[in-house]
C-alpha atoms as a PDB file:
ATOM      1  CA  UNK A   1     -43.058 -87.812-103.300  1.00  0.00           C
ATOM      2  CA  UNK A   2     -40.474 -84.435-103.373  1.00  0.00           C
ATOM      3  CA  UNK A   3     -39.857 -82.121-106.921  1.00  0.00           C
ATOM      4  CA  UNK A   4     -36.676 -81.850-108.551  1.00  0.00           C
ATOM      5  CA  UNK A   5     -35.659 -79.240-105.864  1.00  0.00           C
ATOM      6  CA  UNK A   6     -36.610 -81.604-102.763  1.00  0.00           C
ATOM      7  CA  UNK A   7     -39.348 -80.109-101.920  1.00  0.00           C
ATOM      8  CA  UNK A   8     -42.499 -82.315-100.527  1.00  0.00           C
ATOM      9  CA  UNK A   9     -45.418 -82.470-102.933  1.00  0.00           C
ATOM     10  CA  UNK A  10     -47.185 -85.410-101.273  1.00  0.00           C
ATOM     11  CA  UNK A  11     -46.856 -88.136 -98.495  1.00  0.00           C
ATOM     12  CA  UNK A  12     -48.070 -91.916 -99.186  1.00  0.00           C
ATOM     13  CA  UNK A  13     -48.884 -93.659 -96.121  1.00  0.00           C
ATOM     14  CA  UNK A  14     -47.224 -97.144 -95.424  1.00  0.00           C
ATOM     15  CA  UNK A  15     -49.086-100.452 -96.378  1.00  0.00           C
ATOM     16  CA  UNK A  16     -50.151-100.418 -92.573  1.00  0.00           C
ATOM     17  CA  UNK A  17     -51.658 -96.896 -92.658  1.00  0.00           C
ATOM     18  CA  UNK A  18     -49.016 -95.263 -90.759  1.00  0.00           C
ATOM     19  CA  UNK A  19     -46.831 -91.816 -91.555  1.00  0.00           C
ATOM     20  CA  UNK A  20     -43.473 -92.705 -91.765  1.00  0.00           C
ATOM     21  CA  UNK A  21     -40.561 -90.798 -93.670  1.00  0.00           C
ATOM     22  CA  UNK A  22     -36.666 -91.974 -93.464  1.00  0.00           C
ATOM     23  CA  UNK A  23     -34.588 -89.669 -91.239  1.00  0.00           C
ATOM     24  CA  UNK A  24     -31.391 -87.956 -92.191  1.00  0.00           C
ATOM     25  CA  UNK A  25     -29.045 -86.685 -89.404  1.00  0.00           C
ATOM     26  CA  UNK A  26     -27.755 -83.930 -91.768  1.00  0.00           C
ATOM     27  CA  UNK A  27     -31.309 -82.586 -92.130  1.00  0.00           C
ATOM     28  CA  UNK A  28     -32.086 -82.608 -88.549  1.00  0.00           C
ATOM     29  CA  UNK A  29     -31.590 -80.051 -86.266  1.00  0.00           C
ATOM     30  CA  UNK A  30     -27.844 -80.494 -84.188  1.00  0.00           C
ATOM     31  CA  UNK A  31     -29.562 -79.328 -80.977  1.00  0.00           C
ATOM     32  CA  UNK A  32     -31.864 -82.115 -81.401  1.00  0.00           C
ATOM     33  CA  UNK A  33     -29.760 -84.698 -81.842  1.00  0.00           C
ATOM     34  CA  UNK A  34     -27.497 -83.611 -78.896  1.00  0.00           C
ATOM     35  CA  UNK A  35     -30.477 -83.807 -76.660  1.00  0.00           C
ATOM     36  CA  UNK A  36     -31.992 -86.679 -77.393  1.00  0.00           C
ATOM     37  CA  UNK A  37     -28.405 -88.676 -76.737  1.00  0.00           C
ATOM     38  CA  UNK A  38     -27.960 -86.452 -73.302  1.00  0.00           C
ATOM     39  CA  UNK A  39     -31.642 -87.875 -72.556  1.00  0.00           C
ATOM     40  CA  UNK A  40     -32.343 -91.205 -73.684  1.00  0.00           C
ATOM     41  CA  UNK A  41     -28.537 -92.527 -73.803  1.00  0.00           C
ATOM     42  CA  UNK A  42     -25.577 -90.077 -72.682  1.00  0.00           C
ATOM     43  CA  UNK A  43     -23.384 -93.096 -73.541  1.00  0.00           C
ATOM     44  CA  UNK A  44     -24.451 -93.921 -76.606  1.00  0.00           C
ATOM     45  CA  UNK A  45     -21.231 -93.345 -78.968  1.00  0.00           C
ATOM     46  CA  UNK A  46     -19.255 -95.162 -76.557  1.00  0.00           C
ATOM     47  CA  UNK A  47     -21.059 -98.177 -76.080  1.00  0.00           C
ATOM     48  CA  UNK A  48     -21.862-101.386 -78.022  1.00  0.00           C
ATOM     49  CA  UNK A  49     -25.814-101.619 -77.872  1.00  0.00           C
ATOM     50  CA  UNK A  50     -26.037-102.155 -74.289  1.00  0.00           C
ATOM     51  CA  UNK A  51     -25.134 -99.638 -71.503  1.00  0.00           C
ATOM     52  CA  UNK A  52     -23.999-101.902 -68.672  1.00  0.00           C
ATOM     53  CA  UNK A  53     -23.304 -98.744 -65.863  1.00  0.00           C
ATOM     54  CA  UNK A  54     -26.897 -97.930 -66.762  1.00  0.00           C
ATOM     55  CA  UNK A  55     -27.928-101.517 -66.205  1.00  0.00           C
ATOM     56  CA  UNK A  56     -26.175-101.699 -62.458  1.00  0.00           C
ATOM     57  CA  UNK A  57     -28.153 -98.411 -61.880  1.00  0.00           C
ATOM     58  CA  UNK A  58     -31.151 -99.554 -62.666  1.00  0.00           C
ATOM     59  CA  UNK A  59     -30.925-102.607 -61.352  1.00  0.00           C
ATOM     60  CA  UNK A  60     -29.850-101.033 -57.823  1.00  0.00           C
ATOM     61  CA  UNK A  61     -32.171 -98.333 -57.662  1.00  0.00           C
ATOM     62  CA  UNK A  62     -35.175-101.219 -58.503  1.00  0.00           C
ATOM     63  CA  UNK A  63     -33.737-103.304 -55.568  1.00  0.00           C
ATOM     64  CA  UNK A  64     -33.228-100.300 -53.188  1.00  0.00           C
ATOM     65  CA  UNK A  65     -36.597 -99.162 -53.860  1.00  0.00           C
ATOM     66  CA  UNK A  66     -38.779-102.228 -54.644  1.00  0.00           C
ATOM     67  CA  UNK A  67     -40.102-100.823 -57.972  1.00  0.00           C
ATOM     68  CA  UNK A  68     -38.677 -99.717 -61.425  1.00  0.00           C
ATOM     69  CA  UNK A  69     -37.315 -95.946 -61.099  1.00  0.00           C
ATOM     70  CA  UNK A  70     -35.012 -95.789 -64.313  1.00  0.00           C
ATOM     71  CA  UNK A  71     -34.363 -97.414 -67.393  1.00  0.00           C
ATOM     72  CA  UNK A  72     -31.676 -99.414 -68.892  1.00  0.00           C
ATOM     73  CA  UNK A  73     -32.426 -99.148 -72.682  1.00  0.00           C
ATOM     74  CA  UNK A  74     -30.012 -97.713 -74.662  1.00  0.00           C
ATOM     75  CA  UNK A  75     -31.179 -96.034 -78.542  1.00  0.00           C
ATOM     76  CA  UNK A  76     -29.752 -98.985 -80.080  1.00  0.00           C
ATOM     77  CA  UNK A  77     -32.189-101.266 -77.882  1.00  0.00           C
ATOM     78  CA  UNK A  78     -34.870 -99.154 -78.753  1.00  0.00           C
ATOM     79  CA  UNK A  79     -34.095 -99.648 -82.033  1.00  0.00           C
ATOM     80  CA  UNK A  80     -34.048-103.327 -81.791  1.00  0.00           C
ATOM     81  CA  UNK A  81     -37.365-103.284 -79.894  1.00  0.00           C
ATOM     82  CA  UNK A  82     -39.228-101.276 -83.082  1.00  0.00           C
ATOM     83  CA  UNK A  83     -37.822-103.622 -85.150  1.00  0.00           C
ATOM     84  CA  UNK A  84     -39.168-106.926 -83.467  1.00  0.00           C
ATOM     85  CA  UNK A  85     -41.769-105.849 -80.985  1.00  0.00           C
ATOM     86  CA  UNK A  86     -42.190-108.177 -78.134  1.00  0.00           C
ATOM     87  CA  UNK A  87     -44.144-108.683 -74.569  1.00  0.00           C
ATOM     88  CA  UNK A  88     -42.360-106.044 -72.040  1.00  0.00           C
ATOM     89  CA  UNK A  89     -40.850-108.819 -69.631  1.00  0.00           C
ATOM     90  CA  UNK A  90     -37.111-109.934 -68.518  1.00  0.00           C
ATOM     91  CA  UNK A  91     -37.086-112.828 -71.617  1.00  0.00           C
ATOM     92  CA  UNK A  92     -37.654-109.528 -74.223  1.00  0.00           C
ATOM     93  CA  UNK A  93     -35.122-107.341 -72.493  1.00  0.00           C
ATOM     94  CA  UNK A  94     -32.274-110.221 -72.889  1.00  0.00           C
ATOM     95  CA  UNK A  95     -33.385-110.475 -76.494  1.00  0.00           C
ATOM     96  CA  UNK A  96     -32.936-107.018 -77.022  1.00  0.00           C
ATOM     97  CA  UNK A  97     -29.634-106.961 -75.585  1.00  0.00           C
ATOM     98  CA  UNK A  98     -28.572-108.988 -77.863  1.00  0.00           C
ATOM     99  CA  UNK A  99     -30.130-107.638 -80.588  1.00  0.00           C
ATOM    100  CA  UNK A 100     -28.379-104.287 -80.024  1.00  0.00           C
ATOM    101  CA  UNK A 101     -24.896-106.206 -79.736  1.00  0.00           C
ATOM    102  CA  UNK A 102     -25.945-107.610 -83.765  1.00  0.00           C
ATOM    103  CA  UNK A 103     -27.035-103.745 -84.505  1.00  0.00           C
ATOM    104  CA  UNK A 104     -24.272-102.288 -83.484  1.00  0.00           C
ATOM    105  CA  UNK A 105     -21.857-104.847 -85.414  1.00  0.00           C
ATOM    106  CA  UNK A 106     -23.829-104.064 -88.950  1.00  0.00           C
ATOM    107  CA  UNK A 107     -24.713-100.342 -88.307  1.00  0.00           C
ATOM    108  CA  UNK A 108     -22.536 -97.421 -87.950  1.00  0.00           C
ATOM    109  CA  UNK A 109     -23.889 -95.220 -85.011  1.00  0.00           C
ATOM    110  CA  UNK A 110     -25.302 -92.912 -87.634  1.00  0.00           C
ATOM    111  CA  UNK A 111     -27.202 -95.337 -89.026  1.00  0.00           C
ATOM    112  CA  UNK A 112     -28.749 -96.781 -86.191  1.00  0.00           C
ATOM    113  CA  UNK A 113     -29.625 -93.480 -84.693  1.00  0.00           C
ATOM    114  CA  UNK A 114     -31.032 -92.589 -88.427  1.00  0.00           C
ATOM    115  CA  UNK A 115     -33.469 -96.133 -87.803  1.00  0.00           C
ATOM    116  CA  UNK A 116     -34.662 -95.097 -84.359  1.00  0.00           C
ATOM    117  CA  UNK A 117     -35.321 -91.773 -85.578  1.00  0.00           C
ATOM    118  CA  UNK A 118     -37.451 -93.247 -88.581  1.00  0.00           C
ATOM    119  CA  UNK A 119     -39.594 -95.553 -86.320  1.00  0.00           C
ATOM    120  CA  UNK A 120     -40.185 -94.107 -83.152  1.00  0.00           C
ATOM    121  CA  UNK A 121     -43.837 -93.827 -82.322  1.00  0.00           C
ATOM    122  CA  UNK A 122     -45.137 -90.093 -82.122  1.00  0.00           C
ATOM    123  CA  UNK A 123     -48.840 -90.731 -81.271  1.00  0.00           C
ATOM    124  CA  UNK A 124     -51.612 -92.108 -83.308  1.00  0.00           C
ATOM    125  CA  UNK A 125     -50.002 -93.310 -87.019  1.00  0.00           C
ATOM    126  CA  UNK A 126     -47.174 -90.985 -86.823  1.00  0.00           C
ATOM    127  CA  UNK A 127     -43.850 -92.845 -87.037  1.00  0.00           C
ATOM    128  CA  UNK A 128     -40.158 -91.135 -87.312  1.00  0.00           C
ATOM    129  CA  UNK A 129     -39.074 -87.696 -85.971  1.00  0.00           C
ATOM    130  CA  UNK A 130     -39.847 -86.590 -89.755  1.00  0.00           C
ATOM    131  CA  UNK A 131     -43.599 -87.612 -89.851  1.00  0.00           C
ATOM    132  CA  UNK A 132     -44.082 -85.648 -86.231  1.00  0.00           C
ATOM    133  CA  UNK A 133     -42.075 -82.483 -87.367  1.00  0.00           C
ATOM    134  CA  UNK A 134     -44.255 -82.347 -90.740  1.00  0.00           C
ATOM    135  CA  UNK A 135     -47.711 -83.557 -88.744  1.00  0.00           C
ATOM    136  CA  UNK A 136     -47.286 -80.797 -85.561  1.00  0.00           C
ATOM    137  CA  UNK A 137     -45.264 -77.744 -87.153  1.00  0.00           C
ATOM    138  CA  UNK A 138     -45.505 -78.417 -91.002  1.00  0.00           C
ATOM    139  CA  UNK A 139     -41.710 -78.469 -91.951  1.00  0.00           C
ATOM    140  CA  UNK A 140     -38.643 -80.450 -91.632  1.00  0.00           C
ATOM    141  CA  UNK A 141     -36.733 -80.701 -88.339  1.00  0.00           C
ATOM    142  CA  UNK A 142     -34.025 -79.473 -89.471  1.00  0.00           C
ATOM    143  CA  UNK A 143     -34.119 -76.194 -87.654  1.00  0.00           C
ATOM    144  CA  UNK A 144     -36.467 -76.395 -84.366  1.00  0.00           C
ATOM    145  CA  UNK A 145     -37.294 -74.196 -81.389  1.00  0.00           C
ATOM    146  CA  UNK A 146     -36.641 -75.070 -78.271  1.00  0.00           C
ATOM    147  CA  UNK A 147     -39.966 -76.055 -77.191  1.00  0.00           C
ATOM    148  CA  UNK A 148     -40.349 -78.179 -80.730  1.00  0.00           C
ATOM    149  CA  UNK A 149     -37.396 -80.065 -79.590  1.00  0.00           C
ATOM    150  CA  UNK A 150     -38.273 -80.326 -76.236  1.00  0.00           C
ATOM    151  CA  UNK A 151     -42.050 -81.594 -77.547  1.00  0.00           C
ATOM    152  CA  UNK A 152     -40.568 -83.841 -80.020  1.00  0.00           C
ATOM    153  CA  UNK A 153     -38.186 -85.679 -77.299  1.00  0.00           C
ATOM    154  CA  UNK A 154     -40.842 -86.044 -74.683  1.00  0.00           C
ATOM    155  CA  UNK A 155     -43.693 -87.603 -76.861  1.00  0.00           C
ATOM    156  CA  UNK A 156     -41.884 -91.218 -77.778  1.00  0.00           C
ATOM    157  CA  UNK A 157     -41.566 -91.822 -74.127  1.00  0.00           C
ATOM    158  CA  UNK A 158     -45.402 -91.874 -73.522  1.00  0.00           C
ATOM    159  CA  UNK A 159     -46.994 -91.017 -77.833  1.00  0.00           C
ATOM    160  CA  UNK A 160     -50.805 -91.604 -76.643  1.00  0.00           C
ATOM    161  CA  UNK A 161     -51.075 -89.741 -73.294  1.00  0.00           C
ATOM    162  CA  UNK A 162     -48.555 -86.612 -74.665  1.00  0.00           C
ATOM    163  CA  UNK A 163     -50.264 -86.139 -78.246  1.00  0.00           C
ATOM    164  CA  UNK A 164     -50.920 -82.271 -78.217  1.00  0.00           C
ATOM    165  CA  UNK A 165     -53.468 -82.859 -80.923  1.00  0.00           C
ATOM    166  CA  UNK A 166     -55.793 -85.177 -78.174  1.00  0.00           C
ATOM    167  CA  UNK A 167     -54.505 -84.298 -74.847  1.00  0.00           C
ATOM    168  CA  UNK A 168     -52.547 -80.320 -75.158  1.00  0.00           C
ATOM    169  CA  UNK A 169     -52.121 -80.056 -71.361  1.00  0.00           C
ATOM    170  CA  UNK A 170     -50.278 -83.086 -70.594  1.00  0.00           C
ATOM    171  CA  UNK A 171     -48.172 -82.048 -73.648  1.00  0.00           C
ATOM    172  CA  UNK A 172     -47.450 -79.059 -72.078  1.00  0.00           C
ATOM    173  CA  UNK A 173     -46.602 -80.449 -69.049  1.00  0.00           C
ATOM    174  CA  UNK A 174     -44.047 -83.139 -70.706  1.00  0.00           C
ATOM    175  CA  UNK A 175     -42.644 -80.228 -72.805  1.00  0.00           C
ATOM    176  CA  UNK A 176     -41.963 -78.220 -69.600  1.00  0.00           C
ATOM    177  CA  UNK A 177     -40.056 -81.227 -67.875  1.00  0.00           C
ATOM    178  CA  UNK A 178     -37.909 -81.728 -70.857  1.00  0.00           C
ATOM    179  CA  UNK A 179     -37.001 -78.115 -71.411  1.00  0.00           C
ATOM    180  CA  UNK A 180     -36.083 -78.205 -67.527  1.00  0.00           C
ATOM    181  CA  UNK A 181     -33.765 -81.087 -68.025  1.00  0.00           C
ATOM    182  CA  UNK A 182     -32.693 -79.466 -71.134  1.00  0.00           C
ATOM    183  CA  UNK A 183     -31.790 -76.657 -68.762  1.00  0.00           C
ATOM    184  CA  UNK A 184     -30.164 -79.257 -66.171  1.00  0.00           C
ATOM    185  CA  UNK A 185     -27.588 -80.340 -68.928  1.00  0.00           C
ATOM    186  CA  UNK A 186     -26.587 -76.780 -70.011  1.00  0.00           C
ATOM    187  CA  UNK A 187     -28.233 -77.752 -73.594  1.00  0.00           C
ATOM    188  CA  UNK A 188     -29.979 -74.445 -73.487  1.00  0.00           C
ATOM    189  CA  UNK A 189     -30.072 -71.373 -70.248  1.00  0.00           C
ATOM    190  CA  UNK A 190     -33.032 -71.812 -67.947  1.00  0.00           C
ATOM    191  CA  UNK A 191     -33.915 -68.811 -68.918  1.00  0.00           C
ATOM    192  CA  UNK A 192     -34.535 -70.217 -72.704  1.00  0.00           C
ATOM    193  CA  UNK A 193     -36.360 -72.849 -71.280  1.00  0.00           C
ATOM    194  CA  UNK A 194     -38.873 -71.062 -68.897  1.00  0.00           C
ATOM    195  CA  UNK A 195     -39.377 -68.485 -72.240  1.00  0.00           C
ATOM    196  CA  UNK A 196     -40.194 -71.994 -74.344  1.00  0.00           C
ATOM    197  CA  UNK A 197     -42.581 -73.016 -71.499  1.00  0.00           C
ATOM    198  CA  UNK A 198     -44.627 -69.923 -71.947  1.00  0.00           C
ATOM    199  CA  UNK A 199     -45.263 -70.907 -75.620  1.00  0.00           C
ATOM    200  CA  UNK A 200     -48.408 -72.266 -76.947  1.00  0.00           C
END
């Protein structure tokens, strides 16, 4: 619930007890969006739901090393998995690919991104970027600091293991890794990454 000026007054959980607030790209820090796409799905705006180059790369790495080294799930495929959770196996992956094609035919890229950012798990009963931003930082994700962006990128990759409220050291290490990755991708300078990594 908000007041006439859009200031939040009270939030209500879903029927399942989850805190989920609809994402809105217009009110999301542009650097967060840029970093999300660079880290999770660099060809998001050019593929049709499945990144076949990433599938070939991940398959080749798995064959050559005898284990899964990197994933090939696109943001659209991850959204399909969030909408229809299934056991993690090859059959489910093929269904996710099919559902990703369907999502791409029915929704715009921005709508898919907003859906993903609304449903992504952030630990405990938090779902979505806005719920996580309010829970951890007490504010909308419209202007985030480098350390906040890095943590909000790291959490969905392993939401329970990296929860800052339960495992601050693990969260700090994950945040540092994402800051380094952001610097490697030239999203921020190495100096900014180092400074952000030292913040509490």
